[in-house]
Amino acid sequence: MIDTDLQKSLRKIRPTLLRFAMLQLRNEAAAEDVVQETLLAALEGKSAFSGRSQFKTWVVSILRNKIVDHLRRGAREGSLPLVDEQGDEDFDALFDGTGHWQEPPGDWGDPAAVIEQRGFYEILELCMKALPENVARVFTMREVLGFETEEICKELKMSSSNCWVVLYRARMRLRECLQMRWFGAR
């Protein structure tokens, strides 16, 4: 017999799980698959939930592992496209000849306070969606899923220098987007 409280809790957080998976995988069918695998794992492993963390945190950690598994399967099957080696001319204009900012980024205040503000994650999600798919994938693997750079390179079959360029590109685009849509809009 399946615990009805557990079912209700899983139904309630399912949209959040699906949004997170879509943001990471950028494929509706794949996102739906990993969310279904996550819900099934949570139902089957409910005895493993000790209550030391919040229920949602526990389920999201299961989802993160399912996303990592999906990315690894994709890399083994060769279905993940390689990240291209396009230039960074658009970012070069931000710096002078000595490598200093032409116009320093605005003060974002206390980062811990910012992430607690209502609406910040919606803007961050929009900014993440605006990244090119492969750039978002590398950034997510590193900063959200916690992959080491060597592991990203191995999984995506890319050089470490290309990985660092892609991470730089992602951070710069996110900074620019957040400055424009969140920090500059206040």
Protein backbone atom coordinates (compact mmCIF):
# COMPACT_ATOMS: atom_id res chain seq x y z
CA MET A 1 0.00 0.00 0.00
CA ILE A 2 1.42 3.38 -1.02
CA ASP A 3 1.42 6.12 1.59
CA THR A 4 -1.16 8.73 0.50
CA ASP A 5 0.70 11.55 2.31
CA LEU A 6 3.82 10.64 0.34
CA GLN A 7 1.83 10.63 -2.90
CA LYS A 8 0.39 14.07 -2.11
CA SER A 9 3.85 15.43 -1.26
CA LEU A 10 5.31 14.08 -4.50
CA ARG A 11 2.39 15.44 -6.55
CA LYS A 12 2.91 18.84 -4.95
CA ILE A 13 6.65 19.09 -5.79
CA ARG A 14 6.40 17.44 -9.23
CA PRO A 15 6.09 20.78 -11.12
CA THR A 16 9.23 22.07 -9.38
CA LEU A 17 11.09 18.87 -10.27
CA LEU A 18 9.98 19.12 -13.88
CA ARG A 19 11.06 22.78 -14.15
CA PHE A 20 14.47 21.91 -12.70
CA ALA A 21 14.88 18.93 -15.05
CA MET A 22 13.81 21.00 -18.09
CA LEU A 23 16.31 23.68 -17.19
CA GLN A 24 19.08 21.11 -16.97
CA LEU A 25 18.21 18.86 -19.92
CA ARG A 26 16.35 21.22 -22.29
CA ASN A 27 14.35 18.31 -23.61
CA GLU A 28 10.76 17.78 -22.50
CA ALA A 29 10.72 14.01 -22.97
CA ALA A 30 14.06 13.53 -21.17
CA ALA A 31 12.96 15.83 -18.33
CA GLU A 32 9.70 13.91 -17.94
CA ASP A 33 11.62 10.62 -17.90
CA VAL A 34 14.05 11.68 -15.16
CA VAL A 35 11.21 13.13 -13.07
CA GLN A 36 9.26 9.87 -13.38
CA GLU A 37 12.38 7.91 -12.40
CA THR A 38 12.81 10.27 -9.44
CA LEU A 39 9.23 9.86 -8.25
CA LEU A 40 9.49 6.10 -8.54
CA ALA A 41 12.79 6.07 -6.64
CA ALA A 42 11.28 8.24 -3.90
CA LEU A 43 8.29 5.90 -3.59
CA GLU A 44 10.48 2.80 -3.53
CA GLY A 45 13.05 4.34 -1.18
CA LYS A 46 10.76 6.12 1.26
CA SER A 47 12.25 4.09 4.10
CA ALA A 48 15.66 5.64 3.27
CA PHE A 49 14.33 9.12 4.07
CA SER A 50 15.47 9.71 7.62
CA GLY A 51 14.06 13.19 8.06
CA ARG A 52 17.49 14.79 8.62
CA SER A 53 16.78 17.09 5.67
CA GLN A 54 13.56 18.48 4.26
CA PHE A 55 11.58 16.07 2.12
CA LYS A 56 11.88 18.34 -0.93
CA THR A 57 15.67 18.49 -0.53
CA TRP A 58 15.81 14.69 -0.42
CA VAL A 59 13.71 14.31 -3.58
CA VAL A 60 15.69 17.01 -5.44
CA SER A 61 18.91 15.16 -4.59
CA ILE A 62 17.42 12.02 -6.13
CA LEU A 63 16.53 14.08 -9.22
CA ARG A 64 20.06 15.48 -9.47
CA ASN A 65 21.44 11.94 -9.46
CA LYS A 66 18.94 10.90 -12.15
CA ILE A 67 19.98 13.89 -14.29
CA VAL A 68 23.67 12.99 -13.88
CA ASP A 69 22.85 9.39 -14.89
CA HIS A 70 20.97 10.68 -17.94
CA LEU A 71 23.86 12.93 -18.99
CA ARG A 72 26.32 10.07 -18.60
CA ARG A 73 24.14 7.73 -20.66
CA GLY A 74 23.91 10.41 -23.34
CA ALA A 75 27.67 10.90 -23.38
CA ARG A 76 28.26 7.15 -23.72
CA GLU A 77 25.75 6.97 -26.55
CA GLY A 78 27.34 9.97 -28.23
CA SER A 79 24.08 11.93 -28.29
CA LEU A 80 25.48 15.05 -26.60
CA PRO A 81 26.80 17.49 -29.20
CA LEU A 82 30.27 18.87 -28.65
CA VAL A 83 30.60 22.45 -27.51
CA ASP A 84 31.85 24.68 -30.28
CA GLU A 85 34.93 26.86 -30.11
CA GLN A 86 33.36 30.24 -30.99
CA GLY A 87 35.18 33.42 -30.05
CA ASP A 88 34.64 35.74 -27.11
CA GLU A 89 34.75 39.03 -29.02
CA ASP A 90 31.47 40.12 -27.43
CA PHE A 91 33.12 39.97 -23.99
CA ASP A 92 36.39 41.56 -25.07
CA ALA A 93 34.64 44.91 -25.38
CA LEU A 94 33.89 44.81 -21.64
CA PHE A 95 37.60 45.13 -20.79
CA ASP A 96 40.33 47.64 -21.56
CA GLY A 97 43.80 46.80 -22.87
CA THR A 98 45.08 46.00 -19.36
CA GLY A 99 42.28 43.51 -18.63
CA HIS A 100 40.29 45.81 -16.33
CA TRP A 101 36.58 46.45 -16.68
CA GLN A 102 35.64 49.30 -19.01
CA GLU A 103 32.63 49.83 -16.74
CA PRO A 104 32.70 47.77 -13.53
CA PRO A 105 29.64 45.65 -12.79
CA GLY A 106 27.13 47.27 -10.43
CA ASP A 107 27.08 46.42 -6.75
CA TRP A 108 24.81 43.43 -6.19
CA GLY A 109 24.71 43.89 -2.43
CA ASP A 110 24.58 40.87 -0.12
CA PRO A 111 24.29 37.72 -2.28
CA ALA A 112 22.68 35.71 0.53
CA ALA A 113 19.94 38.32 0.87
CA VAL A 114 19.42 38.48 -2.90
CA ILE A 115 18.73 34.77 -3.29
CA GLU A 116 16.11 34.98 -0.55
CA GLN A 117 14.17 37.64 -2.47
CA ARG A 118 10.98 36.68 -4.17
CA GLY A 119 11.32 36.36 -7.92
CA PHE A 120 15.11 36.03 -8.09
CA TYR A 121 15.01 32.37 -9.11
CA GLU A 122 12.47 33.13 -11.85
CA ILE A 123 14.88 35.65 -13.35
CA LEU A 124 17.82 33.26 -12.92
CA GLU A 125 15.81 30.55 -14.68
CA LEU A 126 15.08 32.94 -17.58
CA CYS A 127 18.77 33.80 -17.79
CA MET A 128 19.73 30.11 -17.78
CA LYS A 129 17.23 29.38 -20.55
CA ALA A 130 18.77 32.18 -22.62
CA LEU A 131 22.18 30.46 -22.59
CA PRO A 132 23.05 28.33 -25.62
CA GLU A 133 22.18 24.71 -24.84
CA ASN A 134 25.75 23.39 -24.66
CA VAL A 135 26.96 26.34 -22.60
CA ALA A 136 24.09 25.79 -20.16
CA ARG A 137 24.86 22.07 -19.99
CA VAL A 138 28.52 22.62 -19.05
CA PHE A 139 27.62 25.34 -16.51
CA THR A 140 24.93 23.15 -14.95
CA MET A 141 27.22 20.15 -14.72
CA ARG A 142 29.86 22.24 -12.94
CA GLU A 143 27.87 24.64 -10.76
CA VAL A 144 24.58 22.84 -10.12
CA LEU A 145 25.40 19.14 -10.32
CA GLY A 146 28.89 19.49 -8.83
CA PHE A 147 30.95 17.76 -11.53
CA GLU A 148 34.69 18.35 -11.46
CA THR A 149 36.15 19.88 -14.63
CA GLU A 150 37.99 16.65 -15.52
CA GLU A 151 34.73 14.74 -15.27
CA ILE A 152 32.89 17.23 -17.51
CA CYS A 153 35.66 16.96 -20.09
CA LYS A 154 35.51 13.18 -20.01
CA GLU A 155 31.71 13.04 -20.19
CA LEU A 156 31.39 15.58 -23.00
CA LYS A 157 34.65 14.65 -24.75
CA MET A 158 36.03 18.19 -24.70
CA SER A 159 39.36 19.71 -23.81
CA SER A 160 39.88 21.32 -20.42
CA SER A 161 40.72 24.66 -22.06
CA ASN A 162 37.44 24.53 -24.00
CA CYS A 163 35.60 23.70 -20.79
CA TRP A 164 37.07 26.71 -19.00
CA VAL A 165 36.20 28.96 -21.95
CA VAL A 166 32.61 27.69 -21.91
CA LEU A 167 32.34 28.20 -18.15
CA TYR A 168 33.70 31.73 -18.54
CA ARG A 169 31.21 32.40 -21.33
CA ALA A 170 28.32 31.08 -19.21
CA ARG A 171 29.27 33.16 -16.17
CA MET A 172 29.67 36.31 -18.23
CA ARG A 173 26.31 35.86 -19.96
CA LEU A 174 24.57 35.11 -16.67
CA ARG A 175 26.17 38.13 -15.02
CA GLU A 176 25.08 40.32 -17.90
CA CYS A 177 21.54 38.93 -17.90
CA LEU A 178 21.13 39.24 -14.11
CA GLN A 179 22.51 42.77 -14.19
CA MET A 180 19.99 43.74 -16.83
CA ARG A 181 16.91 41.82 -15.62
CA TRP A 182 17.32 41.80 -11.84
CA PHE A 183 19.90 44.14 -10.39
CA GLY A 184 19.53 46.93 -12.94
CA ALA A 185 15.72 46.69 -12.90
CA ARG A 186 15.43 47.55 -9.19
